[in-house]
């Protein structure tokens, strides 16, 4: 009886170790593939011209800020 329990515990431990090992291999492979995919995307982005030129500056409208009401009273 004790031999069966020991064998069951040993088999369970080996199975758990195998699952953990396979999971780590899968995660390593996946991270490598993601890195490769990221490199390809960056290369394609650079080939297309990278960042777009900055947008032209917008015209300044009405002043905004905390003291806008005070400035309007003082000016007007």
PDB file of N, CA and C in Angstrom:
ATOM      1  N   UNK A   1       0.821  -1.199   0.000  1.00  0.00           N
ATOM      2  CA  UNK A   1       0.000   0.000   0.000  1.00  0.00           C
ATOM      3  C   UNK A   1       0.862   1.258   0.000  1.00  0.00           C
ATOM      4  N   UNK A   2       1.899   1.256   0.870  1.00  0.00           N
ATOM      5  CA  UNK A   2       2.762   2.429   0.949  1.00  0.00           C
ATOM      6  C   UNK A   2       3.520   2.625  -0.361  1.00  0.00           C
ATOM      7  N   UNK A   3       3.898   1.521  -1.002  1.00  0.00           N
ATOM      8  CA  UNK A   3       4.611   1.615  -2.278  1.00  0.00           C
ATOM      9  C   UNK A   3       3.741   2.296  -3.327  1.00  0.00           C
ATOM     10  N   UNK A   4       2.464   2.020  -3.326  1.00  0.00           N
ATOM     11  CA  UNK A   4       1.546   2.620  -4.291  1.00  0.00           C
ATOM     12  C   UNK A   4       1.420   4.131  -4.054  1.00  0.00           C
ATOM     13  N   UNK A   5       1.362   4.510  -2.794  1.00  0.00           N
ATOM     14  CA  UNK A   5       1.251   5.931  -2.456  1.00  0.00           C
ATOM     15  C   UNK A   5       2.516   6.674  -2.878  1.00  0.00           C
ATOM     16  N   UNK A   6       3.672   6.067  -2.602  1.00  0.00           N
ATOM     17  CA  UNK A   6       4.941   6.694  -2.982  1.00  0.00           C
ATOM     18  C   UNK A   6       5.037   6.811  -4.502  1.00  0.00           C
ATOM     19  N   UNK A   7       4.625   5.763  -5.205  1.00  0.00           N
ATOM     20  CA  UNK A   7       4.667   5.793  -6.668  1.00  0.00           C
ATOM     21  C   UNK A   7       3.719   6.866  -7.205  1.00  0.00           C
ATOM     22  N   UNK A   8       2.552   6.999  -6.594  1.00  0.00           N
ATOM     23  CA  UNK A   8       1.595   8.014  -7.035  1.00  0.00           C
ATOM     24  C   UNK A   8       2.140   9.420  -6.811  1.00  0.00           C
ATOM     25  N   UNK A   9       2.755   9.645  -5.657  1.00  0.00           N
ATOM     26  CA  UNK A   9       3.337  10.961  -5.351  1.00  0.00           C
ATOM     27  C   UNK A   9       4.479  11.263  -6.316  1.00  0.00           C
ATOM     28  N   UNK A  10       5.321  10.279  -6.595  1.00  0.00           N
ATOM     29  CA  UNK A  10       6.443  10.474  -7.517  1.00  0.00           C
ATOM     30  C   UNK A  10       5.941  10.779  -8.925  1.00  0.00           C
ATOM     31  N   UNK A  11       4.941  10.045  -9.366  1.00  0.00           N
ATOM     32  CA  UNK A  11       4.393  10.278 -10.708  1.00  0.00           C
ATOM     33  C   UNK A  11       3.736  11.646 -10.798  1.00  0.00           C
ATOM     34  N   UNK A  12       3.042  12.059  -9.755  1.00  0.00           N
ATOM     35  CA  UNK A  12       2.419  13.379  -9.747  1.00  0.00           C
ATOM     36  C   UNK A  12       3.477  14.484  -9.791  1.00  0.00           C
ATOM     37  N   UNK A  13       4.547  14.291  -9.026  1.00  0.00           N
ATOM     38  CA  UNK A  13       5.635  15.277  -9.026  1.00  0.00           C
ATOM     39  C   UNK A  13       6.290  15.386 -10.394  1.00  0.00           C
ATOM     40  N   UNK A  14       6.529  14.243 -11.025  1.00  0.00           N
ATOM     41  CA  UNK A  14       7.130  14.260 -12.358  1.00  0.00           C
ATOM     42  C   UNK A  14       6.200  14.921 -13.377  1.00  0.00           C
ATOM     43  N   UNK A  15       4.924  14.636 -13.277  1.00  0.00           N
ATOM     44  CA  UNK A  15       3.964  15.243 -14.199  1.00  0.00           C
ATOM     45  C   UNK A  15       3.912  16.761 -14.006  1.00  0.00           C
ATOM     46  N   UNK A  16       3.937  17.213 -12.759  1.00  0.00           N
ATOM     47  CA  UNK A  16       3.917  18.651 -12.494  1.00  0.00           C
ATOM     48  C   UNK A  16       5.174  19.315 -13.032  1.00  0.00           C
ATOM     49  N   UNK A  17       6.320  18.667 -12.849  1.00  0.00           N
ATOM     50  CA  UNK A  17       7.578  19.218 -13.347  1.00  0.00           C
ATOM     51  C   UNK A  17       7.571  19.293 -14.868  1.00  0.00           C
ATOM     52  N   UNK A  18       7.033  18.290 -15.526  1.00  0.00           N
ATOM     53  CA  UNK A  18       6.949  18.273 -16.983  1.00  0.00           C
ATOM     54  C   UNK A  18       6.065  19.412 -17.493  1.00  0.00           C
ATOM     55  N   UNK A  19       4.919  19.604 -16.859  1.00  0.00           N
ATOM     56  CA  UNK A  19       4.008  20.677 -17.263  1.00  0.00           C
ATOM     57  C   UNK A  19       4.676  22.032 -17.076  1.00  0.00           C
ATOM     58  N   UNK A  20       5.378  22.221 -15.972  1.00  0.00           N
ATOM     59  CA  UNK A  20       6.067  23.488 -15.715  1.00  0.00           C
ATOM     60  C   UNK A  20       7.151  23.736 -16.760  1.00  0.00           C
ATOM     61  N   UNK A  21       7.910  22.708 -17.087  1.00  0.00           N
ATOM     62  CA  UNK A  21       8.971  22.829 -18.086  1.00  0.00           C
ATOM     63  C   UNK A  21       8.409  23.196 -19.457  1.00  0.00           C
ATOM     64  N   UNK A  22       7.349  22.512 -19.857  1.00  0.00           N
ATOM     65  CA  UNK A  22       6.736  22.811 -21.159  1.00  0.00           C
ATOM     66  C   UNK A  22       6.157  24.219 -21.189  1.00  0.00           C
ATOM     67  N   UNK A  23       5.597  24.665 -20.089  1.00  0.00           N
ATOM     68  CA  UNK A  23       5.044  26.011 -20.011  1.00  0.00           C
ATOM     69  C   UNK A  23       6.141  27.056 -20.154  1.00  0.00           C
ATOM     70  N   UNK A  24       7.276  26.837 -19.498  1.00  0.00           N
ATOM     71  CA  UNK A  24       8.386  27.783 -19.604  1.00  0.00           C
ATOM     72  C   UNK A  24       8.939  27.824 -21.022  1.00  0.00           C
ATOM     73  N   UNK A  25       9.038  26.685 -21.676  1.00  0.00           N
ATOM     74  CA  UNK A  25       9.513  26.649 -23.069  1.00  0.00           C
ATOM     75  C   UNK A  25       8.563  27.410 -23.977  1.00  0.00           C
ATOM     76  N   UNK A  26       7.268  27.219 -23.764  1.00  0.00           N
ATOM     77  CA  UNK A  26       6.267  27.912 -24.577  1.00  0.00           C
ATOM     78  C   UNK A  26       6.367  29.418 -24.368  1.00  0.00           C
ATOM     79  N   UNK A  27       6.535  29.854 -23.125  1.00  0.00           N
ATOM     80  CA  UNK A  27       6.639  31.282 -22.831  1.00  0.00           C
ATOM     81  C   UNK A  27       7.899  31.872 -23.459  1.00  0.00           C
ATOM     82  N   UNK A  28       9.015  31.144 -23.404  1.00  0.00           N
ATOM     83  CA  UNK A  28      10.257  31.628 -24.006  1.00  0.00           C
ATOM     84  C   UNK A  28      10.098  31.762 -25.513  1.00  0.00           C
ATOM     85  N   UNK A  29       9.501  30.777 -26.140  1.00  0.00           N
ATOM     86  CA  UNK A  29       9.307  30.816 -27.587  1.00  0.00           C
ATOM     87  C   UNK A  29       8.392  31.976 -27.972  1.00  0.00           C
ATOM     88  N   UNK A  30       7.344  32.177 -27.180  1.00  0.00           N
ATOM     89  CA  UNK A  30       6.393  33.244 -27.480  1.00  0.00           C
ATOM     90  C   UNK A  30       7.046  34.616 -27.345  1.00  0.00           C
ATOM     91  N   UNK A  31       7.846  34.820 -26.299  1.00  0.00           N
ATOM     92  CA  UNK A  31       8.504  36.115 -26.124  1.00  0.00           C
ATOM     93  C   UNK A  31       9.511  36.358 -27.245  1.00  0.00           C
ATOM     94  N   UNK A  32      10.185  35.316 -27.697  1.00  0.00           N
ATOM     95  CA  UNK A  32      11.123  35.458 -28.819  1.00  0.00           C
ATOM     96  C   UNK A  32      10.377  35.859 -30.091  1.00  0.00           C
ATOM     97  N   UNK A  33       9.235  35.218 -30.330  1.00  0.00           N
ATOM     98  CA  UNK A  33       8.447  35.549 -31.522  1.00  0.00           C
ATOM     99  C   UNK A  33       7.910  36.972 -31.449  1.00  0.00           C
ATOM    100  N   UNK A  34       7.489  37.415 -30.258  1.00  0.00           N
ATOM    101  CA  UNK A  34       7.000  38.791 -30.107  1.00  0.00           C
ATOM    102  C   UNK A  34       8.111  39.800 -30.362  1.00  0.00           C
ATOM    103  N   UNK A  35       9.321  39.506 -29.886  1.00  0.00           N
ATOM    104  CA  UNK A  35      10.458  40.382 -30.140  1.00  0.00           C
ATOM    105  C   UNK A  35      10.770  40.468 -31.618  1.00  0.00           C
ATOM    106  N   UNK A  36      10.712  39.343 -32.303  1.00  0.00           N
ATOM    107  CA  UNK A  36      10.958  39.323 -33.747  1.00  0.00           C
ATOM    108  C   UNK A  36       9.880  40.117 -34.481  1.00  0.00           C
ATOM    109  N   UNK A  37       8.634  39.951 -34.087  1.00  0.00           N
ATOM    110  CA  UNK A  37       7.529  40.674 -34.711  1.00  0.00           C
ATOM    111  C   UNK A  37       7.676  42.182 -34.468  1.00  0.00           C
ATOM    112  N   UNK A  38       8.071  42.562 -33.253  1.00  0.00           N
ATOM    113  CA  UNK A  38       8.268  43.981 -32.939  1.00  0.00           C
ATOM    114  C   UNK A  38       9.378  44.563 -33.813  1.00  0.00           C
ATOM    115  N   UNK A  39      10.457  43.816 -33.989  1.00  0.00           N
ATOM    116  CA  UNK A  39      11.567  44.285 -34.826  1.00  0.00           C
ATOM    117  C   UNK A  39      11.105  44.510 -36.261  1.00  0.00           C
ATOM    118  N   UNK A  40      10.297  43.580 -36.771  1.00  0.00           N
ATOM    119  CA  UNK A  40       9.786  43.737 -38.140  1.00  0.00           C
ATOM    120  C   UNK A  40       8.877  44.953 -38.260  1.00  0.00           C
ATOM    121  N   UNK A  41       8.033  45.192 -37.254  1.00  0.00           N
ATOM    122  CA  UNK A  41       7.143  46.354 -37.290  1.00  0.00           C
ATOM    123  C   UNK A  41       7.925  47.654 -37.252  1.00  0.00           C
ATOM    124  N   UNK A  42       8.974  47.714 -36.422  1.00  0.00           N
ATOM    125  CA  UNK A  42       9.796  48.923 -36.342  1.00  0.00           C
ATOM    126  C   UNK A  42      10.515  49.150 -37.664  1.00  0.00           C
ATOM    127  N   UNK A  43      11.033  48.094 -38.265  1.00  0.00           N
ATOM    128  CA  UNK A  43      11.717  48.229 -39.552  1.00  0.00           C
ATOM    129  C   UNK A  43      10.761  48.739 -40.622  1.00  0.00           C
ATOM    130  N   UNK A  44       9.551  48.206 -40.652  1.00  0.00           N
ATOM    131  CA  UNK A  44       8.567  48.639 -41.638  1.00  0.00           C
ATOM    132  C   UNK A  44       8.172  50.093 -41.390  1.00  0.00           C
ATOM    133  N   UNK A  45       8.005  50.465 -40.118  1.00  0.00           N
ATOM    134  CA  UNK A  45       7.649  51.836 -39.759  1.00  0.00           C
ATOM    135  C   UNK A  45       8.746  52.799 -40.202  1.00  0.00           C
ATOM    136  N   UNK A  46      10.023  52.429 -39.974  1.00  0.00           N
ATOM    137  CA  UNK A  46      11.120  53.290 -40.394  1.00  0.00           C
ATOM    138  C   UNK A  46      11.191  53.384 -41.905  1.00  0.00           C
ATOM    139  N   UNK A  47      10.903  52.292 -42.612  1.00  0.00           N
ATOM    140  CA  UNK A  47      10.932  52.313 -44.072  1.00  0.00           C
ATOM    141  C   UNK A  47       9.831  53.214 -44.626  1.00  0.00           C
ATOM    142  N   UNK A  48       8.727  53.346 -43.902  1.00  0.00           N
ATOM    143  CA  UNK A  48       7.626  54.204 -44.351  1.00  0.00           C
ATOM    144  C   UNK A  48       7.848  55.661 -44.001  1.00  0.00           C
ATOM    145  N   UNK A  49       8.934  55.980 -43.301  1.00  0.00           N
ATOM    146  CA  UNK A  49       9.228  57.374 -43.013  1.00  0.00           C
ATOM    147  C   UNK A  49       9.254  57.721 -41.550  1.00  0.00           C
ATOM    148  N   UNK A  50       8.989  56.805 -40.675  1.00  0.00           N
ATOM    149  CA  UNK A  50       9.054  57.080 -39.246  1.00  0.00           C
ATOM    150  C   UNK A  50       7.976  58.037 -38.792  1.00  0.00           C
ATOM    151  N   UNK A  51       8.340  58.939 -37.898  1.00  0.00           N
ATOM    152  CA  UNK A  51       7.377  59.906 -37.372  1.00  0.00           C
ATOM    153  C   UNK A  51       6.965  60.892 -38.451  1.00  0.00           C
ATOM    154  N   UNK A  52       5.742  61.322 -38.401  1.00  0.00           N
ATOM    155  CA  UNK A  52       5.272  62.346 -39.319  1.00  0.00           C
ATOM    156  C   UNK A  52       5.837  63.690 -38.890  1.00  0.00           C
ATOM    157  N   UNK A  53       5.957  64.635 -39.831  1.00  0.00           N
ATOM    158  CA  UNK A  53       6.440  65.965 -39.427  1.00  0.00           C
ATOM    159  C   UNK A  53       5.454  66.597 -38.456  1.00  0.00           C
ATOM    160  N   UNK A  54       5.943  67.511 -37.610  1.00  0.00           N
ATOM    161  CA  UNK A  54       5.035  68.134 -36.640  1.00  0.00           C
ATOM    162  C   UNK A  54       3.967  68.958 -37.338  1.00  0.00           C
ATOM    163  N   UNK A  55       2.790  69.003 -36.722  1.00  0.00           N
ATOM    164  CA  UNK A  55       1.679  69.765 -37.291  1.00  0.00           C
ATOM    165  C   UNK A  55       1.998  71.263 -37.209  1.00  0.00           C
ATOM    166  N   UNK A  56       1.492  72.052 -38.145  1.00  0.00           N
ATOM    167  CA  UNK A  56       1.740  73.495 -38.062  1.00  0.00           C
ATOM    168  C   UNK A  56       1.119  74.054 -36.791  1.00  0.00           C
ATOM    169  N   UNK A  57       1.734  75.105 -36.224  1.00  0.00           N
ATOM    170  CA  UNK A  57       1.184  75.654 -34.978  1.00  0.00           C
ATOM    171  C   UNK A  57      -0.192  76.250 -35.199  1.00  0.00           C
ATOM    172  N   UNK A  58      -1.043  76.103 -34.196  1.00  0.00           N
ATOM    173  CA  UNK A  58      -2.401  76.632 -34.282  1.00  0.00           C
ATOM    174  C   UNK A  58      -2.378  78.113 -33.927  1.00  0.00           C
ATOM    175  N   UNK A  59      -3.329  78.865 -34.482  1.00  0.00           N
ATOM    176  CA  UNK A  59      -3.435  80.289 -34.141  1.00  0.00           C
ATOM    177  C   UNK A  59      -3.865  80.412 -32.695  1.00  0.00           C
ATOM    178  N   UNK A  60      -3.291  81.387 -32.070  1.00  0.00           N
ATOM    179  CA  UNK A  60      -3.663  81.621 -30.678  1.00  0.00           C
ATOM    180  C   UNK A  60      -5.040  82.256 -30.642  1.00  0.00           C
ATOM    181  N   UNK A  61      -5.929  81.689 -29.886  1.00  0.00           N
ATOM    182  CA  UNK A  61      -7.280  82.224 -29.740  1.00  0.00           C
ATOM    183  C   UNK A  61      -7.339  83.104 -28.512  1.00  0.00           C
ATOM    184  N   UNK A  62      -8.440  83.083 -27.874  1.00  0.00           N
ATOM    185  CA  UNK A  62      -8.612  83.858 -26.647  1.00  0.00           C
ATOM    186  C   UNK A  62      -7.677  83.302 -25.582  1.00  0.00           C
ATOM    187  N   UNK A  63      -7.094  84.172 -24.755  1.00  0.00           N
ATOM    188  CA  UNK A  63      -6.181  83.675 -23.723  1.00  0.00           C
ATOM    189  C   UNK A  63      -6.930  82.834 -22.706  1.00  0.00           C
ATOM    190  N   UNK A  64      -6.268  81.805 -22.252  1.00  0.00           N
ATOM    191  CA  UNK A  64      -6.876  80.915 -21.271  1.00  0.00           C
ATOM    192  C   UNK A  64      -5.979  80.872 -20.049  1.00  0.00           C
ATOM    193  N   UNK A  65      -6.576  80.780 -18.914  1.00  0.00           N
ATOM    194  CA  UNK A  65      -5.779  80.676 -17.703  1.00  0.00           C
ATOM    195  C   UNK A  65      -6.571  81.152 -16.510  1.00  0.00           C
ATOM    196  N   UNK A  66      -5.882  81.233 -15.384  1.00  0.00           N
ATOM    197  CA  UNK A  66      -6.563  81.591 -14.144  1.00  0.00           C
ATOM    198  C   UNK A  66      -6.927  83.077 -14.111  1.00  0.00           C
ATOM    199  N   UNK A  67      -6.083  83.918 -14.639  1.00  0.00           N
ATOM    200  CA  UNK A  67      -6.270  85.361 -14.491  1.00  0.00           C
ATOM    201  C   UNK A  67      -6.921  85.998 -15.725  1.00  0.00           C
ATOM    202  N   UNK A  68      -7.568  85.232 -16.560  1.00  0.00           N
ATOM    203  CA  UNK A  68      -8.157  85.750 -17.778  1.00  0.00           C
ATOM    204  C   UNK A  68      -9.217  86.801 -17.476  1.00  0.00           C
ATOM    205  N   UNK A  69     -10.066  86.565 -16.510  1.00  0.00           N
ATOM    206  CA  UNK A  69     -11.136  87.521 -16.188  1.00  0.00           C
ATOM    207  C   UNK A  69     -10.533  88.811 -15.666  1.00  0.00           C
ATOM    208  N   UNK A  70      -9.511  88.743 -14.828  1.00  0.00           N
ATOM    209  CA  UNK A  70      -8.864  89.945 -14.298  1.00  0.00           C
ATOM    210  C   UNK A  70      -8.194  90.742 -15.401  1.00  0.00           C
ATOM    211  N   UNK A  71      -7.545  90.043 -16.336  1.00  0.00           N
ATOM    212  CA  UNK A  71      -6.877  90.754 -17.434  1.00  0.00           C
ATOM    213  C   UNK A  71      -7.892  91.429 -18.332  1.00  0.00           C
ATOM    214  N   UNK A  72      -9.022  90.768 -18.568  1.00  0.00           N
ATOM    215  CA  UNK A  72     -10.055  91.359 -19.423  1.00  0.00           C
ATOM    216  C   UNK A  72     -10.630  92.612 -18.763  1.00  0.00           C
ATOM    217  N   UNK A  73     -10.852  92.601 -17.467  1.00  0.00           N
ATOM    218  CA  UNK A  73     -11.358  93.795 -16.750  1.00  0.00           C
ATOM    219  C   UNK A  73     -10.332  94.915 -16.776  1.00  0.00           C
ATOM    220  N   UNK A  74      -9.064  94.565 -16.606  1.00  0.00           N
ATOM    221  CA  UNK A  74      -8.030  95.598 -16.583  1.00  0.00           C
ATOM    222  C   UNK A  74      -7.839  96.227 -17.965  1.00  0.00           C
ATOM    223  N   UNK A  75      -7.986  95.450 -19.006  1.00  0.00           N
ATOM    224  CA  UNK A  75      -7.813  95.972 -20.353  1.00  0.00           C
ATOM    225  C   UNK A  75      -9.050  96.716 -20.840  1.00  0.00           C
ATOM    226  N   UNK A  76     -10.179  96.412 -20.344  1.00  0.00           N
ATOM    227  CA  UNK A  76     -11.376  96.931 -20.936  1.00  0.00           C
ATOM    228  C   UNK A  76     -12.134  97.824 -20.105  1.00  0.00           C
TER     229      UNK A  76
END
